[in-house]
Amino acid sequence: MKIKVNIVIWFVLCFAFAKAQTIPVNDASQLSEAIKKAQPGDTIVMVNKEWKDVDIKFKAIGTAQKPIVLKSETAGSVKLTGNSTLRIGGDYLEVHGLWFENGNVGKNNVVRFEADSDTPPATNSRLTNCAIINVNPDSREITNYYIALHGKNNRVDHCSLLGKLNKGPAIAVRLKNSIDNNHRIDHNYFGERLPLGFNGGETIRIGTSTYSKQSSRTVVENNFFERCSGEIEIISIKSAHNVVRNNLILESEGTITLRHGDYNIIEGNVIIGNNLPKTGGIRMINKGEYCAQ
C-alpha cells in the first residue's frame, strides 16, 4: 500500500512541476497543432513574418499561476493581413504583440473573446500590446468590431486601435451570454476615426439597449482617445455599474454618453476639444449616475 501511495505522490509532483515549454511556430498548421497540445505555462511563439489569411482559434485552458501565452517573436513584427482573425476561448489565456493591419475580414470581428458560438466565451484572459490598424470591409455599412469582448474577467490593455471606417464600435462589450463581465479596458490608444455619417461609429460600447438594465461592471481607464469622431457617442454606456475614469479625450467629435443603464461612475477624465466644432463633454441619462473630477 505504501508503494502505491508513493507512486501516486510521484505522479502528482511530476505533473505539478512539469516544465513549461516555449514552442516556436512558422505556419498556420504548426500554430493550430501547438494550441491543441498547449499545457498551463506554455508559450507559443509566432515567428516574425507576414501571416496572411490566418484564422487563429486560441482555445485552451491555463491557470492563474500558469496562463497559456500566444505571442509574437518580436512585438509588432508578426503582421496579420488579409482576412486574418483571432478567436480566444478558454480560461487564463494571454495574447501578446500581434499586429493586424490593412486587412478585410468582412462581417467577422478581428478579435473575439469567444472561440465558437456554441461554447463558453473566454474568461480571465488578456489581449495586450497588440494593434489593429486599417482593417475594413468593402462597405462602410457592413457592421463588425475590432474587438468583441465576451465572457468575464478579461482585459484589453496597451493596444492601439485606429483607422476603422465602417459601422460598429472598435470595442464592443457583449452582455448577451454573460453579465457582471468585470472586464478591464486600460492603457490603450484609440486613434483617428473619421465621421461615419450614421449611427454605429462609437469607439467603445458597453452593452446594448436590450441588456441596459443588466450590470456589466466594466472598467475603462487610463486610455487615450485622439480624434475619435465616428459619431456623437465616443464611449457609449448601455449597461449598469460601469466605471469610466482617468481617460484623455483629445479633439474628438462627441461625448462620453451614459445612454442606457444606471449607477455608472464617470471620474477623473480630461476632455480637450481645442475649440473644434462638435467636440463635447459628458452626457448623462437615467438614474444613480455619478460624475466627478
C-alpha atoms as a PDB file:
ATOM      1  CA  MET A   1       0.000   0.000   0.000  1.00  0.00           C
ATOM      2  CA  LYS A   2       2.862   2.352   0.864  1.00  0.00           C
ATOM      3  CA  ILE A   3       4.430   1.759  -2.565  1.00  0.00           C
ATOM      4  CA  LYS A   4       1.147   2.665  -4.312  1.00  0.00           C
ATOM      5  CA  VAL A   5       0.839   5.876  -2.292  1.00  0.00           C
ATOM      6  CA  ASN A   6       4.422   6.839  -3.157  1.00  0.00           C
ATOM      7  CA  ILE A   7       3.765   6.241  -6.861  1.00  0.00           C
ATOM      8  CA  VAL A   8       0.662   8.451  -6.765  1.00  0.00           C
ATOM      9  CA  ILE A   9       2.587  11.215  -4.984  1.00  0.00           C
ATOM     10  CA  TRP A  10       5.400  10.935  -7.549  1.00  0.00           C
ATOM     11  CA  PHE A  11       2.962  11.364 -10.466  1.00  0.00           C
ATOM     12  CA  VAL A  12       1.289  14.337  -8.774  1.00  0.00           C
ATOM     13  CA  LEU A  13       4.641  16.032  -8.201  1.00  0.00           C
ATOM     14  CA  CYS A  14       5.736  15.373 -11.785  1.00  0.00           C
ATOM     15  CA  PHE A  15       2.560  16.995 -13.077  1.00  0.00           C
ATOM     16  CA  ALA A  16       2.784  19.955 -10.710  1.00  0.00           C
ATOM     17  CA  PHE A  17       6.396  20.726 -11.585  1.00  0.00           C
ATOM     18  CA  ALA A  18       6.272  19.877 -15.291  1.00  0.00           C
ATOM     19  CA  LYS A  19       8.477  22.325 -17.150  1.00  0.00           C
ATOM     20  CA  ALA A  20       6.629  24.893 -19.225  1.00  0.00           C
ATOM     21  CA  GLN A  21       7.562  24.868 -22.888  1.00  0.00           C
ATOM     22  CA  THR A  22       8.297  27.612 -25.402  1.00  0.00           C
ATOM     23  CA  ILE A  23       7.049  26.452 -28.785  1.00  0.00           C
ATOM     24  CA  PRO A  24       8.023  28.368 -31.966  1.00  0.00           C
ATOM     25  CA  VAL A  25       5.587  28.067 -34.889  1.00  0.00           C
ATOM     26  CA  ASN A  26       6.156  29.045 -38.502  1.00  0.00           C
ATOM     27  CA  ASP A  27       2.789  28.499 -40.199  1.00  0.00           C
ATOM     28  CA  ALA A  28      -0.928  28.079 -39.528  1.00  0.00           C
ATOM     29  CA  SER A  29      -0.719  24.288 -39.325  1.00  0.00           C
ATOM     30  CA  GLN A  30       2.047  24.348 -36.716  1.00  0.00           C
ATOM     31  CA  LEU A  31       0.158  27.023 -34.787  1.00  0.00           C
ATOM     32  CA  SER A  32      -3.048  25.001 -34.683  1.00  0.00           C
ATOM     33  CA  GLU A  33      -1.197  21.886 -33.531  1.00  0.00           C
ATOM     34  CA  ALA A  34       0.677  23.790 -30.816  1.00  0.00           C
ATOM     35  CA  ILE A  35      -2.569  25.242 -29.468  1.00  0.00           C
ATOM     36  CA  LYS A  36      -4.174  21.783 -29.327  1.00  0.00           C
ATOM     37  CA  LYS A  37      -1.251  20.441 -27.269  1.00  0.00           C
ATOM     38  CA  ALA A  38      -0.704  23.520 -25.071  1.00  0.00           C
ATOM     39  CA  GLN A  39      -0.478  22.980 -21.325  1.00  0.00           C
ATOM     40  CA  PRO A  40      -0.594  25.527 -18.486  1.00  0.00           C
ATOM     41  CA  GLY A  41       2.555  27.633 -18.502  1.00  0.00           C
ATOM     42  CA  ASP A  42       3.374  27.055 -22.172  1.00  0.00           C
ATOM     43  CA  THR A  43       4.262  29.926 -24.504  1.00  0.00           C
ATOM     44  CA  ILE A  44       3.556  29.650 -28.230  1.00  0.00           C
ATOM     45  CA  VAL A  45       5.737  31.987 -30.297  1.00  0.00           C
ATOM     46  CA  MET A  46       4.683  33.056 -33.791  1.00  0.00           C
ATOM     47  CA  VAL A  47       7.816  33.800 -35.831  1.00  0.00           C
ATOM     48  CA  ASN A  48       8.317  37.267 -37.280  1.00  0.00           C
ATOM     49  CA  LYS A  49       6.792  37.474 -40.754  1.00  0.00           C
ATOM     50  CA  GLU A  50       3.573  38.293 -42.578  1.00  0.00           C
ATOM     51  CA  TRP A  51       0.799  35.856 -41.697  1.00  0.00           C
ATOM     52  CA  LYS A  52      -1.902  36.177 -44.351  1.00  0.00           C
ATOM     53  CA  ASP A  53      -5.489  34.876 -44.168  1.00  0.00           C
ATOM     54  CA  VAL A  54      -4.991  33.065 -40.858  1.00  0.00           C
ATOM     55  CA  ASP A  55      -7.943  32.232 -38.593  1.00  0.00           C
ATOM     56  CA  ILE A  56      -6.360  31.748 -35.176  1.00  0.00           C
ATOM     57  CA  LYS A  57      -8.538  29.743 -32.817  1.00  0.00           C
ATOM     58  CA  PHE A  58      -6.787  30.060 -29.464  1.00  0.00           C
ATOM     59  CA  LYS A  59      -8.802  27.597 -27.411  1.00  0.00           C
ATOM     60  CA  ALA A  60      -7.106  26.198 -24.313  1.00  0.00           C
ATOM     61  CA  ILE A  61      -7.194  26.111 -20.515  1.00  0.00           C
ATOM     62  CA  GLY A  62      -4.477  27.732 -18.428  1.00  0.00           C
ATOM     63  CA  THR A  63      -4.388  28.587 -14.735  1.00  0.00           C
ATOM     64  CA  ALA A  64      -3.982  31.781 -12.731  1.00  0.00           C
ATOM     65  CA  GLN A  65      -0.411  30.812 -11.854  1.00  0.00           C
ATOM     66  CA  LYS A  66       0.367  29.381 -15.306  1.00  0.00           C
ATOM     67  CA  PRO A  67      -1.515  31.089 -18.124  1.00  0.00           C
ATOM     68  CA  ILE A  68      -1.024  29.861 -21.666  1.00  0.00           C
ATOM     69  CA  VAL A  69       0.564  32.596 -23.781  1.00  0.00           C
ATOM     70  CA  LEU A  70       0.402  33.196 -27.524  1.00  0.00           C
ATOM     71  CA  LYS A  71       2.894  35.851 -28.584  1.00  0.00           C
ATOM     72  CA  SER A  72       4.869  37.300 -31.446  1.00  0.00           C
ATOM     73  CA  GLU A  73       8.577  36.611 -31.681  1.00  0.00           C
ATOM     74  CA  THR A  74       9.065  40.382 -31.556  1.00  0.00           C
ATOM     75  CA  ALA A  75       6.198  42.713 -30.667  1.00  0.00           C
ATOM     76  CA  GLY A  76       4.809  44.301 -33.829  1.00  0.00           C
ATOM     77  CA  SER A  77       6.742  42.032 -36.203  1.00  0.00           C
ATOM     78  CA  VAL A  78       4.040  39.409 -36.661  1.00  0.00           C
ATOM     79  CA  LYS A  79       1.861  41.115 -39.300  1.00  0.00           C
ATOM     80  CA  LEU A  80      -1.568  39.555 -39.708  1.00  0.00           C
ATOM     81  CA  THR A  81      -3.046  40.632 -43.035  1.00  0.00           C
ATOM     82  CA  GLY A  82      -5.820  39.692 -45.454  1.00  0.00           C
ATOM     83  CA  ASN A  83      -8.799  38.123 -43.678  1.00  0.00           C
ATOM     84  CA  SER A  84      -6.822  37.114 -40.566  1.00  0.00           C
ATOM     85  CA  THR A  85      -8.784  36.902 -37.319  1.00  0.00           C
ATOM     86  CA  LEU A  86      -8.229  35.809 -33.722  1.00  0.00           C
ATOM     87  CA  ARG A  87     -10.713  33.905 -31.567  1.00  0.00           C
ATOM     88  CA  ILE A  88      -9.921  33.410 -27.881  1.00  0.00           C
ATOM     89  CA  GLY A  89     -11.810  30.756 -25.945  1.00  0.00           C
ATOM     90  CA  GLY A  90     -10.969  29.150 -22.633  1.00  0.00           C
ATOM     91  CA  ASP A  91      -9.529  30.249 -19.317  1.00  0.00           C
ATOM     92  CA  TYR A  92      -6.350  32.137 -18.392  1.00  0.00           C
ATOM     93  CA  LEU A  93      -5.104  32.807 -21.899  1.00  0.00           C
ATOM     94  CA  GLU A  94      -2.868  35.704 -22.949  1.00  0.00           C
ATOM     95  CA  VAL A  95      -2.100  37.152 -26.383  1.00  0.00           C
ATOM     96  CA  HIS A  96       0.914  39.465 -26.751  1.00  0.00           C
ATOM     97  CA  GLY A  97       2.298  41.603 -29.546  1.00  0.00           C
ATOM     98  CA  LEU A  98       0.193  40.697 -32.608  1.00  0.00           C
ATOM     99  CA  TRP A  99      -0.290  43.335 -35.328  1.00  0.00           C
ATOM    100  CA  PHE A 100      -3.373  43.297 -37.589  1.00  0.00           C
ATOM    101  CA  GLU A 101      -3.062  45.764 -40.461  1.00  0.00           C
ATOM    102  CA  ASN A 102      -4.663  46.607 -43.823  1.00  0.00           C
ATOM    103  CA  GLY A 103      -6.957  43.593 -43.725  1.00  0.00           C
ATOM    104  CA  ASN A 104     -10.544  42.859 -44.697  1.00  0.00           C
ATOM    105  CA  VAL A 105     -12.485  40.440 -42.501  1.00  0.00           C
ATOM    106  CA  GLY A 106     -15.916  41.208 -43.954  1.00  0.00           C
ATOM    107  CA  LYS A 107     -18.665  40.783 -41.352  1.00  0.00           C
ATOM    108  CA  ASN A 108     -16.347  38.972 -38.933  1.00  0.00           C
ATOM    109  CA  ASN A 109     -14.750  40.594 -35.912  1.00  0.00           C
ATOM    110  CA  VAL A 110     -10.984  40.951 -35.941  1.00  0.00           C
ATOM    111  CA  VAL A 111     -10.636  39.674 -32.365  1.00  0.00           C
ATOM    112  CA  ARG A 112     -13.371  37.854 -30.482  1.00  0.00           C
ATOM    113  CA  PHE A 113     -13.205  36.622 -26.890  1.00  0.00           C
ATOM    114  CA  GLU A 114     -15.191  33.553 -27.878  1.00  0.00           C
ATOM    115  CA  ALA A 115     -13.832  30.606 -29.848  1.00  0.00           C
ATOM    116  CA  ASP A 116     -17.201  29.270 -31.018  1.00  0.00           C
ATOM    117  CA  SER A 117     -20.761  30.484 -30.637  1.00  0.00           C
ATOM    118  CA  ASP A 118     -21.760  27.148 -29.070  1.00  0.00           C
ATOM    119  CA  THR A 119     -19.001  27.024 -26.419  1.00  0.00           C
ATOM    120  CA  PRO A 120     -18.450  29.213 -23.331  1.00  0.00           C
ATOM    121  CA  PRO A 121     -16.656  32.509 -24.018  1.00  0.00           C
ATOM    122  CA  ALA A 122     -13.217  33.413 -22.722  1.00  0.00           C
ATOM    123  CA  THR A 123     -12.657  34.098 -19.040  1.00  0.00           C
ATOM    124  CA  ASN A 124      -9.686  35.537 -17.139  1.00  0.00           C
ATOM    125  CA  SER A 125      -7.918  36.221 -20.424  1.00  0.00           C
ATOM    126  CA  ARG A 126      -5.887  39.096 -21.820  1.00  0.00           C
ATOM    127  CA  LEU A 127      -5.053  40.858 -25.088  1.00  0.00           C
ATOM    128  CA  THR A 128      -2.021  43.093 -24.612  1.00  0.00           C
ATOM    129  CA  ASN A 129       0.448  45.137 -26.660  1.00  0.00           C
ATOM    130  CA  CYS A 130      -1.414  44.384 -29.895  1.00  0.00           C
ATOM    131  CA  ALA A 131      -2.532  46.633 -32.755  1.00  0.00           C
ATOM    132  CA  ILE A 132      -5.464  46.703 -35.173  1.00  0.00           C
ATOM    133  CA  ILE A 133      -4.951  49.287 -37.905  1.00  0.00           C
ATOM    134  CA  ASN A 134      -6.975  49.974 -41.055  1.00  0.00           C
ATOM    135  CA  VAL A 135      -8.855  46.680 -41.090  1.00  0.00           C
ATOM    136  CA  ASN A 136     -12.046  47.440 -43.021  1.00  0.00           C
ATOM    137  CA  PRO A 137     -14.650  45.660 -45.178  1.00  0.00           C
ATOM    138  CA  ASP A 138     -15.627  46.732 -48.667  1.00  0.00           C
ATOM    139  CA  SER A 139     -18.612  48.813 -47.495  1.00  0.00           C
ATOM    140  CA  ARG A 140     -18.900  51.259 -44.592  1.00  0.00           C
ATOM    141  CA  GLU A 141     -22.393  49.883 -43.925  1.00  0.00           C
ATOM    142  CA  ILE A 142     -21.104  46.414 -43.002  1.00  0.00           C
ATOM    143  CA  THR A 143     -21.099  46.015 -39.207  1.00  0.00           C
ATOM    144  CA  ASN A 144     -18.243  44.421 -37.315  1.00  0.00           C
ATOM    145  CA  TYR A 145     -15.985  45.119 -34.347  1.00  0.00           C
ATOM    146  CA  TYR A 146     -12.266  45.353 -33.985  1.00  0.00           C
ATOM    147  CA  ILE A 147     -12.698  43.571 -30.637  1.00  0.00           C
ATOM    148  CA  ALA A 148     -15.806  41.738 -29.412  1.00  0.00           C
ATOM    149  CA  LEU A 149     -15.350  41.371 -25.667  1.00  0.00           C
ATOM    150  CA  HIS A 150     -17.392  38.414 -24.412  1.00  0.00           C
ATOM    151  CA  GLY A 151     -17.137  36.448 -21.183  1.00  0.00           C
ATOM    152  CA  LYS A 152     -15.893  37.558 -17.774  1.00  0.00           C
ATOM    153  CA  ASN A 153     -12.771  38.982 -16.153  1.00  0.00           C
ATOM    154  CA  ASN A 154     -10.989  39.724 -19.422  1.00  0.00           C
ATOM    155  CA  ARG A 155      -8.569  42.546 -20.110  1.00  0.00           C
ATOM    156  CA  VAL A 156      -7.584  44.598 -23.178  1.00  0.00           C
ATOM    157  CA  ASP A 157      -4.549  46.755 -22.429  1.00  0.00           C
ATOM    158  CA  HIS A 158      -1.664  48.614 -24.059  1.00  0.00           C
ATOM    159  CA  CYS A 159      -3.165  48.101 -27.523  1.00  0.00           C
ATOM    160  CA  SER A 160      -3.506  50.510 -30.465  1.00  0.00           C
ATOM    161  CA  LEU A 161      -6.781  50.622 -32.392  1.00  0.00           C
ATOM    162  CA  LEU A 162      -7.210  53.051 -35.285  1.00  0.00           C
ATOM    163  CA  GLY A 163      -8.350  53.530 -38.841  1.00  0.00           C
ATOM    164  CA  LYS A 164     -11.806  51.919 -38.529  1.00  0.00           C
ATOM    165  CA  LEU A 165     -14.036  53.240 -41.332  1.00  0.00           C
ATOM    166  CA  ASN A 166     -17.154  51.053 -41.175  1.00  0.00           C
ATOM    167  CA  LYS A 167     -20.128  50.620 -38.879  1.00  0.00           C
ATOM    168  CA  GLY A 168     -19.567  49.129 -35.439  1.00  0.00           C
ATOM    169  CA  PRO A 169     -17.515  50.162 -32.393  1.00  0.00           C
ATOM    170  CA  ALA A 170     -13.810  49.487 -32.103  1.00  0.00           C
ATOM    171  CA  ILE A 171     -14.530  47.589 -28.868  1.00  0.00           C
ATOM    172  CA  ALA A 172     -17.944  46.162 -28.024  1.00  0.00           C
ATOM    173  CA  VAL A 173     -18.582  44.595 -24.617  1.00  0.00           C
ATOM    174  CA  ARG A 174     -21.186  41.897 -25.188  1.00  0.00           C
ATOM    175  CA  LEU A 175     -23.737  41.056 -22.484  1.00  0.00           C
ATOM    176  CA  LYS A 176     -25.918  38.558 -24.343  1.00  0.00           C
ATOM    177  CA  ASN A 177     -24.481  35.440 -22.709  1.00  0.00           C
ATOM    178  CA  SER A 178     -22.770  36.883 -19.638  1.00  0.00           C
ATOM    179  CA  ILE A 179     -23.447  39.759 -17.258  1.00  0.00           C
ATOM    180  CA  ASP A 180     -21.242  41.117 -14.473  1.00  0.00           C
ATOM    181  CA  ASN A 181     -18.421  40.963 -17.004  1.00  0.00           C
ATOM    182  CA  ASN A 182     -15.769  42.624 -14.817  1.00  0.00           C
ATOM    183  CA  HIS A 183     -13.669  43.457 -17.870  1.00  0.00           C
ATOM    184  CA  ARG A 184     -10.829  45.990 -17.928  1.00  0.00           C
ATOM    185  CA  ILE A 185     -10.054  48.204 -20.919  1.00  0.00           C
ATOM    186  CA  ASP A 186      -6.968  50.180 -19.955  1.00  0.00           C
ATOM    187  CA  HIS A 187      -3.850  51.955 -21.229  1.00  0.00           C
ATOM    188  CA  ASN A 188      -4.903  51.730 -24.875  1.00  0.00           C
ATOM    189  CA  TYR A 189      -4.503  54.207 -27.731  1.00  0.00           C
ATOM    190  CA  PHE A 190      -7.607  54.841 -29.824  1.00  0.00           C
ATOM    191  CA  GLY A 191      -6.504  56.722 -32.923  1.00  0.00           C
ATOM    192  CA  GLU A 192      -8.293  58.725 -35.561  1.00  0.00           C
ATOM    193  CA  ARG A 193     -11.750  57.627 -36.620  1.00  0.00           C
ATOM    194  CA  LEU A 194     -13.451  59.710 -39.293  1.00  0.00           C
ATOM    195  CA  PRO A 195     -17.161  60.627 -39.016  1.00  0.00           C
ATOM    196  CA  LEU A 196     -19.270  57.668 -40.120  1.00  0.00           C
ATOM    197  CA  GLY A 197     -22.294  59.752 -41.068  1.00  0.00           C
ATOM    198  CA  PHE A 198     -24.822  57.486 -39.356  1.00  0.00           C
ATOM    199  CA  ASN A 199     -25.311  55.579 -36.100  1.00  0.00           C
ATOM    200  CA  GLY A 200     -22.755  52.918 -35.170  1.00  0.00           C
ATOM    201  CA  GLY A 201     -19.485  54.819 -35.067  1.00  0.00           C
ATOM    202  CA  GLU A 202     -18.747  54.531 -31.345  1.00  0.00           C
ATOM    203  CA  THR A 203     -15.201  53.865 -30.206  1.00  0.00           C
ATOM    204  CA  ILE A 204     -16.282  51.809 -27.170  1.00  0.00           C
ATOM    205  CA  ARG A 205     -19.763  50.487 -26.473  1.00  0.00           C
ATOM    206  CA  ILE A 206     -20.627  48.592 -23.299  1.00  0.00           C
ATOM    207  CA  GLY A 207     -23.896  46.710 -23.666  1.00  0.00           C
ATOM    208  CA  THR A 208     -26.947  47.428 -25.813  1.00  0.00           C
ATOM    209  CA  SER A 209     -30.409  48.798 -25.106  1.00  0.00           C
ATOM    210  CA  THR A 210     -31.722  45.212 -24.865  1.00  0.00           C
ATOM    211  CA  TYR A 211     -29.477  44.491 -21.860  1.00  0.00           C
ATOM    212  CA  SER A 212     -29.279  48.034 -20.488  1.00  0.00           C
ATOM    213  CA  LYS A 213     -30.673  47.111 -17.066  1.00  0.00           C
ATOM    214  CA  GLN A 214     -28.019  44.433 -16.595  1.00  0.00           C
ATOM    215  CA  SER A 215     -24.739  45.131 -14.813  1.00  0.00           C
ATOM    216  CA  SER A 216     -21.535  44.837 -16.806  1.00  0.00           C
ATOM    217  CA  ARG A 217     -19.096  46.228 -14.209  1.00  0.00           C
ATOM    218  CA  THR A 218     -16.547  47.007 -16.892  1.00  0.00           C
ATOM    219  CA  VAL A 219     -13.764  49.494 -16.127  1.00  0.00           C
ATOM    220  CA  VAL A 220     -12.459  51.814 -18.861  1.00  0.00           C
ATOM    221  CA  GLU A 221      -9.423  53.666 -17.547  1.00  0.00           C
ATOM    222  CA  ASN A 222      -6.168  55.390 -18.489  1.00  0.00           C
ATOM    223  CA  ASN A 223      -6.841  55.321 -22.229  1.00  0.00           C
ATOM    224  CA  PHE A 224      -6.001  57.980 -24.842  1.00  0.00           C
ATOM    225  CA  PHE A 225      -8.670  58.809 -27.426  1.00  0.00           C
ATOM    226  CA  GLU A 226      -7.369  61.014 -30.246  1.00  0.00           C
ATOM    227  CA  ARG A 227      -9.690  62.378 -32.959  1.00  0.00           C
ATOM    228  CA  CYS A 228     -12.229  59.629 -32.378  1.00  0.00           C
ATOM    229  CA  SER A 229     -15.052  61.267 -34.321  1.00  0.00           C
ATOM    230  CA  GLY A 230     -17.059  58.323 -35.641  1.00  0.00           C
ATOM    231  CA  GLU A 231     -20.277  59.626 -34.102  1.00  0.00           C
ATOM    232  CA  ILE A 232     -21.638  61.655 -31.176  1.00  0.00           C
ATOM    233  CA  GLU A 233     -21.068  58.809 -28.673  1.00  0.00           C
ATOM    234  CA  ILE A 234     -17.330  58.231 -28.252  1.00  0.00           C
ATOM    235  CA  ILE A 235     -17.832  55.958 -25.249  1.00  0.00           C
ATOM    236  CA  SER A 236     -21.384  54.631 -25.207  1.00  0.00           C
ATOM    237  CA  ILE A 237     -22.627  53.128 -21.947  1.00  0.00           C
ATOM    238  CA  LYS A 238     -25.695  50.918 -22.340  1.00  0.00           C
ATOM    239  CA  SER A 239     -25.497  48.858 -19.151  1.00  0.00           C
ATOM    240  CA  ALA A 240     -25.151  49.382 -15.401  1.00  0.00           C
ATOM    241  CA  HIS A 241     -22.387  49.686 -12.809  1.00  0.00           C
ATOM    242  CA  ASN A 242     -19.510  50.596 -15.120  1.00  0.00           C
ATOM    243  CA  VAL A 243     -16.567  52.899 -14.387  1.00  0.00           C
ATOM    244  CA  VAL A 244     -15.002  55.326 -16.880  1.00  0.00           C
ATOM    245  CA  ARG A 245     -12.061  57.114 -15.284  1.00  0.00           C
ATOM    246  CA  ASN A 246      -8.766  58.889 -15.906  1.00  0.00           C
ATOM    247  CA  ASN A 247      -9.042  58.867 -19.691  1.00  0.00           C
ATOM    248  CA  LEU A 248      -7.775  61.595 -22.042  1.00  0.00           C
ATOM    249  CA  ILE A 249     -10.022  62.527 -24.972  1.00  0.00           C
ATOM    250  CA  LEU A 250      -8.431  64.904 -27.484  1.00  0.00           C
ATOM    251  CA  GLU A 251     -10.120  66.730 -30.379  1.00  0.00           C
ATOM    252  CA  SER A 252     -12.836  64.102 -30.727  1.00  0.00           C
ATOM    253  CA  GLU A 253     -16.304  64.944 -32.040  1.00  0.00           C
ATOM    254  CA  GLY A 254     -18.731  63.584 -29.467  1.00  0.00           C
ATOM    255  CA  THR A 255     -19.113  62.841 -25.776  1.00  0.00           C
ATOM    256  CA  ILE A 256     -18.873  60.210 -23.078  1.00  0.00           C
ATOM    257  CA  THR A 257     -22.523  59.156 -23.201  1.00  0.00           C
ATOM    258  CA  LEU A 258     -24.433  57.313 -20.491  1.00  0.00           C
ATOM    259  CA  ARG A 259     -27.183  56.343 -22.900  1.00  0.00           C
ATOM    260  CA  HIS A 260     -28.862  53.472 -21.030  1.00  0.00           C
ATOM    261  CA  GLY A 261     -28.225  51.768 -17.706  1.00  0.00           C
ATOM    262  CA  ASP A 262     -27.919  53.079 -14.162  1.00  0.00           C
ATOM    263  CA  TYR A 263     -25.339  53.646 -11.431  1.00  0.00           C
ATOM    264  CA  ASN A 264     -22.334  54.289 -13.637  1.00  0.00           C
ATOM    265  CA  ILE A 265     -19.303  56.246 -12.411  1.00  0.00           C
ATOM    266  CA  ILE A 266     -17.513  58.841 -14.544  1.00  0.00           C
ATOM    267  CA  GLU A 267     -14.496  60.429 -12.861  1.00  0.00           C
ATOM    268  CA  GLY A 268     -11.112  61.985 -13.499  1.00  0.00           C
ATOM    269  CA  ASN A 269     -11.444  62.203 -17.279  1.00  0.00           C
ATOM    270  CA  VAL A 270      -9.821  65.030 -19.251  1.00  0.00           C
ATOM    271  CA  ILE A 271     -11.598  66.157 -22.420  1.00  0.00           C
ATOM    272  CA  ILE A 272      -9.803  68.690 -24.640  1.00  0.00           C
ATOM    273  CA  GLY A 273     -11.672  69.960 -27.683  1.00  0.00           C
ATOM    274  CA  ASN A 274      -9.346  72.837 -28.604  1.00  0.00           C
ATOM    275  CA  ASN A 275     -12.421  74.792 -29.745  1.00  0.00           C
ATOM    276  CA  LEU A 276     -13.114  72.385 -32.587  1.00  0.00           C
ATOM    277  CA  PRO A 277     -16.776  72.041 -33.635  1.00  0.00           C
ATOM    278  CA  LYS A 278     -18.862  69.107 -32.353  1.00  0.00           C
ATOM    279  CA  THR A 279     -16.471  68.303 -29.515  1.00  0.00           C
ATOM    280  CA  GLY A 280     -18.229  67.779 -26.206  1.00  0.00           C
ATOM    281  CA  GLY A 281     -18.068  66.527 -22.663  1.00  0.00           C
ATOM    282  CA  ILE A 282     -20.292  64.107 -20.768  1.00  0.00           C
ATOM    283  CA  ARG A 283     -23.967  63.341 -21.410  1.00  0.00           C
ATOM    284  CA  MET A 284     -25.824  61.606 -18.587  1.00  0.00           C
ATOM    285  CA  ILE A 285     -29.262  59.964 -18.657  1.00  0.00           C
ATOM    286  CA  ASN A 286     -31.105  57.609 -16.267  1.00  0.00           C
ATOM    287  CA  LYS A 287     -30.637  57.288 -12.508  1.00  0.00           C
ATOM    288  CA  GLY A 288     -27.882  56.919  -9.968  1.00  0.00           C
ATOM    289  CA  GLU A 289     -25.146  58.183 -12.267  1.00  0.00           C
ATOM    290  CA  TYR A 290     -22.085  59.737 -10.625  1.00  0.00           C
ATOM    291  CA  CYS A 291     -19.704  62.235 -12.199  1.00  0.00           C
ATOM    292  CA  ALA A 292     -16.678  63.812 -10.503  1.00  0.00           C
ATOM    293  CA  GLN A 293     -13.309  65.307 -11.268  1.00  0.00           C
END
